[in-house]
């Protein structure tokens, strides 16, 4: 546990210097989920541990920034056999690539609470440019909800191999659904992770 908490603490320290005022993530009400089709049947899963440093400025969106990091080893599909395969060397390779990250390089407003973030997504130690669209909604209690859906092609990141990588077995496209609940502005960032 200490091995995980130390890099997370360092991540938030880094984020504090890089971004103007990252909002604190409300961990137990945030989620990172994915869906991939296996022989045409949707298989869903999620990552139980991740952290984020977000500073969304609706007035000056160009000053906004986002950094997200996911612990690959926290993947679960509620199927132990599937999880072992997904975390193995041919697929996500949690041993040599324990983290997936996204860092924004620019952000712009699309209107009606919608934003577009350009940046770099790294999975399995392979970084690719990506453009993500997301919604930001301010709630009555001062919290902010960030939601996004996006797709990736797993072959772009070298994800897949063996018998499960044959045509028609596991689909090329993976759909991600992200929900991040941020505490009110001014709340102290926390360095824990989602359980």
C-alpha atoms as a PDB file:
ATOM      1  CA  UNK A   1       0.000   0.000   0.000  1.00  0.00           C
ATOM      2  CA  UNK A   2       2.834   2.399   0.859  1.00  0.00           C
ATOM      3  CA  UNK A   3       4.348   1.760  -2.581  1.00  0.00           C
ATOM      4  CA  UNK A   4       1.118   2.988  -4.157  1.00  0.00           C
ATOM      5  CA  UNK A   5       0.442   5.951  -1.871  1.00  0.00           C
ATOM      6  CA  UNK A   6       3.886   7.517  -2.282  1.00  0.00           C
ATOM      7  CA  UNK A   7       3.703   7.979  -6.071  1.00  0.00           C
ATOM      8  CA  UNK A   8       0.139   9.222  -5.712  1.00  0.00           C
ATOM      9  CA  UNK A   9       1.229  11.811  -3.163  1.00  0.00           C
ATOM     10  CA  UNK A  10       4.031  12.879  -5.489  1.00  0.00           C
ATOM     11  CA  UNK A  11       1.531  13.038  -8.357  1.00  0.00           C
ATOM     12  CA  UNK A  12      -0.639  15.513  -6.482  1.00  0.00           C
ATOM     13  CA  UNK A  13       2.389  17.582  -5.478  1.00  0.00           C
ATOM     14  CA  UNK A  14       3.406  17.704  -9.147  1.00  0.00           C
ATOM     15  CA  UNK A  15      -0.145  18.605 -10.144  1.00  0.00           C
ATOM     16  CA  UNK A  16      -0.205  21.432  -7.634  1.00  0.00           C
ATOM     17  CA  UNK A  17       2.777  23.048  -9.322  1.00  0.00           C
ATOM     18  CA  UNK A  18       1.602  22.354 -12.864  1.00  0.00           C
ATOM     19  CA  UNK A  19      -2.039  23.430 -12.580  1.00  0.00           C
ATOM     20  CA  UNK A  20      -3.470  26.582 -11.071  1.00  0.00           C
ATOM     21  CA  UNK A  21      -5.911  25.055  -8.605  1.00  0.00           C
ATOM     22  CA  UNK A  22      -6.735  21.365  -9.093  1.00  0.00           C
ATOM     23  CA  UNK A  23     -10.004  20.326  -7.484  1.00  0.00           C
ATOM     24  CA  UNK A  24     -10.099  17.440  -5.045  1.00  0.00           C
ATOM     25  CA  UNK A  25     -11.570  14.208  -6.391  1.00  0.00           C
ATOM     26  CA  UNK A  26     -14.419  12.671  -4.380  1.00  0.00           C
ATOM     27  CA  UNK A  27     -13.155   9.151  -4.704  1.00  0.00           C
ATOM     28  CA  UNK A  28     -16.059   6.916  -3.782  1.00  0.00           C
ATOM     29  CA  UNK A  29     -18.433   8.705  -6.166  1.00  0.00           C
ATOM     30  CA  UNK A  30     -16.157   8.656  -9.207  1.00  0.00           C
ATOM     31  CA  UNK A  31     -15.649   5.856 -11.700  1.00  0.00           C
ATOM     32  CA  UNK A  32     -13.667   4.729 -14.731  1.00  0.00           C
ATOM     33  CA  UNK A  33     -15.468   1.971 -16.639  1.00  0.00           C
ATOM     34  CA  UNK A  34     -14.938   0.238 -19.980  1.00  0.00           C
ATOM     35  CA  UNK A  35     -16.833  -2.002 -22.395  1.00  0.00           C
ATOM     36  CA  UNK A  36     -15.356  -4.298 -25.039  1.00  0.00           C
ATOM     37  CA  UNK A  37     -17.126  -6.899 -27.136  1.00  0.00           C
ATOM     38  CA  UNK A  38     -15.986 -10.515 -26.870  1.00  0.00           C
ATOM     39  CA  UNK A  39     -17.390 -12.647 -29.707  1.00  0.00           C
ATOM     40  CA  UNK A  40     -20.014  -9.943 -30.160  1.00  0.00           C
ATOM     41  CA  UNK A  41     -21.096  -9.898 -26.520  1.00  0.00           C
ATOM     42  CA  UNK A  42     -20.373  -6.713 -24.495  1.00  0.00           C
ATOM     43  CA  UNK A  43     -18.065  -7.287 -21.522  1.00  0.00           C
ATOM     44  CA  UNK A  44     -17.892  -4.491 -18.959  1.00  0.00           C
ATOM     45  CA  UNK A  45     -15.296  -3.745 -16.333  1.00  0.00           C
ATOM     46  CA  UNK A  46     -13.855  -0.952 -14.248  1.00  0.00           C
ATOM     47  CA  UNK A  47     -10.719   0.301 -12.560  1.00  0.00           C
ATOM     48  CA  UNK A  48     -11.043   0.561  -8.793  1.00  0.00           C
ATOM     49  CA  UNK A  49      -7.999   2.754  -8.161  1.00  0.00           C
ATOM     50  CA  UNK A  50      -7.214   6.025  -9.917  1.00  0.00           C
ATOM     51  CA  UNK A  51      -6.410   9.654  -9.143  1.00  0.00           C
ATOM     52  CA  UNK A  52      -6.892  12.963 -10.915  1.00  0.00           C
ATOM     53  CA  UNK A  53      -5.879  16.631 -10.781  1.00  0.00           C
ATOM     54  CA  UNK A  54      -8.420  18.800 -12.583  1.00  0.00           C
ATOM     55  CA  UNK A  55      -8.725  22.563 -12.965  1.00  0.00           C
ATOM     56  CA  UNK A  56     -11.682  23.436 -15.193  1.00  0.00           C
ATOM     57  CA  UNK A  57     -12.189  27.165 -15.739  1.00  0.00           C
ATOM     58  CA  UNK A  58     -15.417  27.775 -17.737  1.00  0.00           C
ATOM     59  CA  UNK A  59     -14.616  31.490 -18.084  1.00  0.00           C
ATOM     60  CA  UNK A  60     -11.101  30.941 -19.418  1.00  0.00           C
ATOM     61  CA  UNK A  61     -11.111  27.345 -20.671  1.00  0.00           C
ATOM     62  CA  UNK A  62      -7.691  27.783 -22.244  1.00  0.00           C
ATOM     63  CA  UNK A  63      -6.299  27.969 -18.703  1.00  0.00           C
ATOM     64  CA  UNK A  64      -7.936  24.659 -17.756  1.00  0.00           C
ATOM     65  CA  UNK A  65      -5.967  21.451 -17.346  1.00  0.00           C
ATOM     66  CA  UNK A  66      -6.454  17.797 -16.526  1.00  0.00           C
ATOM     67  CA  UNK A  67      -4.219  14.947 -15.428  1.00  0.00           C
ATOM     68  CA  UNK A  68      -5.556  11.474 -14.689  1.00  0.00           C
ATOM     69  CA  UNK A  69      -3.738   8.320 -13.656  1.00  0.00           C
ATOM     70  CA  UNK A  70      -5.144   4.794 -13.433  1.00  0.00           C
ATOM     71  CA  UNK A  71      -3.726   1.803 -11.569  1.00  0.00           C
ATOM     72  CA  UNK A  72      -3.936  -0.943 -14.211  1.00  0.00           C
ATOM     73  CA  UNK A  73      -3.758  -3.673 -11.565  1.00  0.00           C
ATOM     74  CA  UNK A  74      -7.083  -2.503 -10.137  1.00  0.00           C
ATOM     75  CA  UNK A  75      -8.981  -3.725 -13.214  1.00  0.00           C
ATOM     76  CA  UNK A  76     -11.964  -5.965 -12.529  1.00  0.00           C
ATOM     77  CA  UNK A  77     -14.599  -7.530 -14.753  1.00  0.00           C
ATOM     78  CA  UNK A  78     -16.026  -9.656 -11.917  1.00  0.00           C
ATOM     79  CA  UNK A  79     -14.520 -12.656 -13.695  1.00  0.00           C
ATOM     80  CA  UNK A  80     -11.206 -13.801 -12.223  1.00  0.00           C
ATOM     81  CA  UNK A  81     -10.131 -15.743 -15.325  1.00  0.00           C
ATOM     82  CA  UNK A  82     -10.837 -12.785 -17.615  1.00  0.00           C
ATOM     83  CA  UNK A  83      -8.985 -10.433 -15.267  1.00  0.00           C
ATOM     84  CA  UNK A  84      -5.857 -12.604 -15.315  1.00  0.00           C
ATOM     85  CA  UNK A  85      -5.849 -12.579 -19.125  1.00  0.00           C
ATOM     86  CA  UNK A  86      -6.518  -8.828 -19.334  1.00  0.00           C
ATOM     87  CA  UNK A  87      -3.665  -8.015 -16.947  1.00  0.00           C
ATOM     88  CA  UNK A  88      -1.178 -10.405 -18.588  1.00  0.00           C
ATOM     89  CA  UNK A  89       1.742  -9.478 -20.850  1.00  0.00           C
ATOM     90  CA  UNK A  90      -0.210  -9.790 -24.128  1.00  0.00           C
ATOM     91  CA  UNK A  91      -2.915  -7.420 -22.998  1.00  0.00           C
ATOM     92  CA  UNK A  92      -2.434  -4.632 -20.414  1.00  0.00           C
ATOM     93  CA  UNK A  93       0.787  -6.040 -18.917  1.00  0.00           C
ATOM     94  CA  UNK A  94       0.362  -4.701 -15.385  1.00  0.00           C
ATOM     95  CA  UNK A  95       3.885  -5.817 -14.407  1.00  0.00           C
ATOM     96  CA  UNK A  96       5.757  -3.707 -16.961  1.00  0.00           C
ATOM     97  CA  UNK A  97       3.072  -1.050 -17.467  1.00  0.00           C
ATOM     98  CA  UNK A  98       1.353  -0.542 -14.106  1.00  0.00           C
ATOM     99  CA  UNK A  99      -0.161   2.859 -14.948  1.00  0.00           C
ATOM    100  CA  UNK A 100      -2.305   4.435 -17.649  1.00  0.00           C
ATOM    101  CA  UNK A 101      -2.225   8.235 -17.806  1.00  0.00           C
ATOM    102  CA  UNK A 102      -3.827  11.176 -19.556  1.00  0.00           C
ATOM    103  CA  UNK A 103      -2.307  14.681 -19.550  1.00  0.00           C
ATOM    104  CA  UNK A 104      -4.012  17.563 -21.324  1.00  0.00           C
ATOM    105  CA  UNK A 105      -2.004  19.959 -23.472  1.00  0.00           C
ATOM    106  CA  UNK A 106      -4.855  22.326 -24.396  1.00  0.00           C
ATOM    107  CA  UNK A 107      -8.529  22.801 -23.686  1.00  0.00           C
ATOM    108  CA  UNK A 108     -11.381  24.687 -25.328  1.00  0.00           C
ATOM    109  CA  UNK A 109     -15.088  25.299 -24.666  1.00  0.00           C
ATOM    110  CA  UNK A 110     -17.726  23.847 -26.986  1.00  0.00           C
ATOM    111  CA  UNK A 111     -20.685  25.556 -25.313  1.00  0.00           C
ATOM    112  CA  UNK A 112     -23.487  24.381 -23.002  1.00  0.00           C
ATOM    113  CA  UNK A 113     -21.051  22.986 -20.444  1.00  0.00           C
ATOM    114  CA  UNK A 114     -19.146  20.930 -23.006  1.00  0.00           C
ATOM    115  CA  UNK A 115     -15.369  21.056 -23.404  1.00  0.00           C
ATOM    116  CA  UNK A 116     -12.701  19.520 -25.590  1.00  0.00           C
ATOM    117  CA  UNK A 117      -9.329  18.485 -24.217  1.00  0.00           C
ATOM    118  CA  UNK A 118      -6.362  17.600 -26.387  1.00  0.00           C
ATOM    119  CA  UNK A 119      -3.504  15.713 -24.839  1.00  0.00           C
ATOM    120  CA  UNK A 120      -1.606  12.457 -24.542  1.00  0.00           C
ATOM    121  CA  UNK A 121      -3.019   9.099 -23.474  1.00  0.00           C
ATOM    122  CA  UNK A 122      -0.516   6.482 -22.371  1.00  0.00           C
ATOM    123  CA  UNK A 123      -1.454   2.809 -22.018  1.00  0.00           C
ATOM    124  CA  UNK A 124       0.997  -0.098 -21.832  1.00  0.00           C
ATOM    125  CA  UNK A 125       3.820   2.482 -21.959  1.00  0.00           C
ATOM    126  CA  UNK A 126       2.634   3.626 -25.398  1.00  0.00           C
ATOM    127  CA  UNK A 127       1.644   7.296 -25.677  1.00  0.00           C
ATOM    128  CA  UNK A 128      -0.749   8.505 -28.357  1.00  0.00           C
ATOM    129  CA  UNK A 129      -2.318  11.931 -28.985  1.00  0.00           C
ATOM    130  CA  UNK A 130      -6.025  11.999 -28.220  1.00  0.00           C
ATOM    131  CA  UNK A 131      -8.890  14.473 -28.234  1.00  0.00           C
ATOM    132  CA  UNK A 132     -11.524  13.963 -25.545  1.00  0.00           C
ATOM    133  CA  UNK A 133     -14.854  15.713 -25.151  1.00  0.00           C
ATOM    134  CA  UNK A 134     -16.436  16.007 -21.733  1.00  0.00           C
ATOM    135  CA  UNK A 135     -19.238  17.739 -19.842  1.00  0.00           C
ATOM    136  CA  UNK A 136     -18.809  19.793 -16.686  1.00  0.00           C
ATOM    137  CA  UNK A 137     -21.840  20.438 -14.462  1.00  0.00           C
ATOM    138  CA  UNK A 138     -21.828  22.538 -11.301  1.00  0.00           C
ATOM    139  CA  UNK A 139     -24.071  21.029  -8.616  1.00  0.00           C
ATOM    140  CA  UNK A 140     -26.119  22.876  -6.006  1.00  0.00           C
ATOM    141  CA  UNK A 141     -23.743  21.912  -3.177  1.00  0.00           C
ATOM    142  CA  UNK A 142     -20.724  23.457  -4.945  1.00  0.00           C
ATOM    143  CA  UNK A 143     -19.402  20.169  -6.289  1.00  0.00           C
ATOM    144  CA  UNK A 144     -18.688  19.630  -9.984  1.00  0.00           C
ATOM    145  CA  UNK A 145     -19.447  16.539 -12.048  1.00  0.00           C
ATOM    146  CA  UNK A 146     -17.196  15.723 -15.008  1.00  0.00           C
ATOM    147  CA  UNK A 147     -18.419  13.060 -17.443  1.00  0.00           C
ATOM    148  CA  UNK A 148     -16.882  11.740 -20.635  1.00  0.00           C
ATOM    149  CA  UNK A 149     -17.237   8.869 -23.082  1.00  0.00           C
ATOM    150  CA  UNK A 150     -14.547   8.025 -25.609  1.00  0.00           C
ATOM    151  CA  UNK A 151     -13.266   5.138 -27.679  1.00  0.00           C
ATOM    152  CA  UNK A 152      -9.801   3.820 -28.387  1.00  0.00           C
ATOM    153  CA  UNK A 153      -8.469   1.211 -30.783  1.00  0.00           C
ATOM    154  CA  UNK A 154      -6.622  -1.293 -28.623  1.00  0.00           C
ATOM    155  CA  UNK A 155      -4.078  -2.087 -31.349  1.00  0.00           C
ATOM    156  CA  UNK A 156      -2.886   1.546 -31.210  1.00  0.00           C
ATOM    157  CA  UNK A 157      -1.476   0.727 -27.766  1.00  0.00           C
ATOM    158  CA  UNK A 158      -0.327  -2.829 -28.449  1.00  0.00           C
ATOM    159  CA  UNK A 159      -3.165  -4.301 -26.388  1.00  0.00           C
ATOM    160  CA  UNK A 160      -3.955  -7.893 -27.347  1.00  0.00           C
ATOM    161  CA  UNK A 161      -2.263 -11.158 -28.247  1.00  0.00           C
ATOM    162  CA  UNK A 162      -2.579 -14.907 -28.346  1.00  0.00           C
ATOM    163  CA  UNK A 163      -5.754 -16.809 -29.141  1.00  0.00           C
ATOM    164  CA  UNK A 164      -7.912 -13.984 -27.747  1.00  0.00           C
ATOM    165  CA  UNK A 165      -6.523 -11.630 -30.386  1.00  0.00           C
ATOM    166  CA  UNK A 166      -7.845 -13.609 -33.346  1.00  0.00           C
ATOM    167  CA  UNK A 167     -10.305 -11.848 -35.652  1.00  0.00           C
ATOM    168  CA  UNK A 168     -13.838 -11.921 -34.264  1.00  0.00           C
ATOM    169  CA  UNK A 169     -12.863 -12.887 -30.728  1.00  0.00           C
ATOM    170  CA  UNK A 170     -12.247  -9.545 -29.000  1.00  0.00           C
ATOM    171  CA  UNK A 171     -13.292  -6.323 -30.740  1.00  0.00           C
ATOM    172  CA  UNK A 172     -10.756  -3.694 -31.744  1.00  0.00           C
ATOM    173  CA  UNK A 173     -12.676  -0.807 -30.173  1.00  0.00           C
ATOM    174  CA  UNK A 174     -12.887  -0.233 -26.405  1.00  0.00           C
ATOM    175  CA  UNK A 175     -15.440   2.220 -25.005  1.00  0.00           C
ATOM    176  CA  UNK A 176     -14.563   4.131 -21.843  1.00  0.00           C
ATOM    177  CA  UNK A 177     -17.007   5.922 -19.561  1.00  0.00           C
ATOM    178  CA  UNK A 178     -15.559   8.305 -16.989  1.00  0.00           C
ATOM    179  CA  UNK A 179     -17.354  10.082 -14.142  1.00  0.00           C
ATOM    180  CA  UNK A 180     -15.352  12.322 -11.812  1.00  0.00           C
ATOM    181  CA  UNK A 181     -17.000  14.160  -8.924  1.00  0.00           C
ATOM    182  CA  UNK A 182     -14.968  17.140  -7.705  1.00  0.00           C
ATOM    183  CA  UNK A 183     -15.235  18.755  -4.302  1.00  0.00           C
ATOM    184  CA  UNK A 184     -16.113  22.472  -4.017  1.00  0.00           C
ATOM    185  CA  UNK A 185     -13.353  24.934  -4.915  1.00  0.00           C
ATOM    186  CA  UNK A 186     -10.951  25.511  -2.054  1.00  0.00           C
ATOM    187  CA  UNK A 187     -11.256  22.022  -0.580  1.00  0.00           C
ATOM    188  CA  UNK A 188      -7.923  20.392   0.235  1.00  0.00           C
ATOM    189  CA  UNK A 189      -6.753  17.758  -2.276  1.00  0.00           C
ATOM    190  CA  UNK A 190      -6.600  14.224  -0.914  1.00  0.00           C
ATOM    191  CA  UNK A 191      -3.975  11.627  -1.787  1.00  0.00           C
ATOM    192  CA  UNK A 192      -6.054   8.498  -1.357  1.00  0.00           C
ATOM    193  CA  UNK A 193      -7.343   6.309  -4.167  1.00  0.00           C
ATOM    194  CA  UNK A 194     -10.692   4.860  -5.058  1.00  0.00           C
ATOM    195  CA  UNK A 195     -11.315   1.590  -3.277  1.00  0.00           C
END
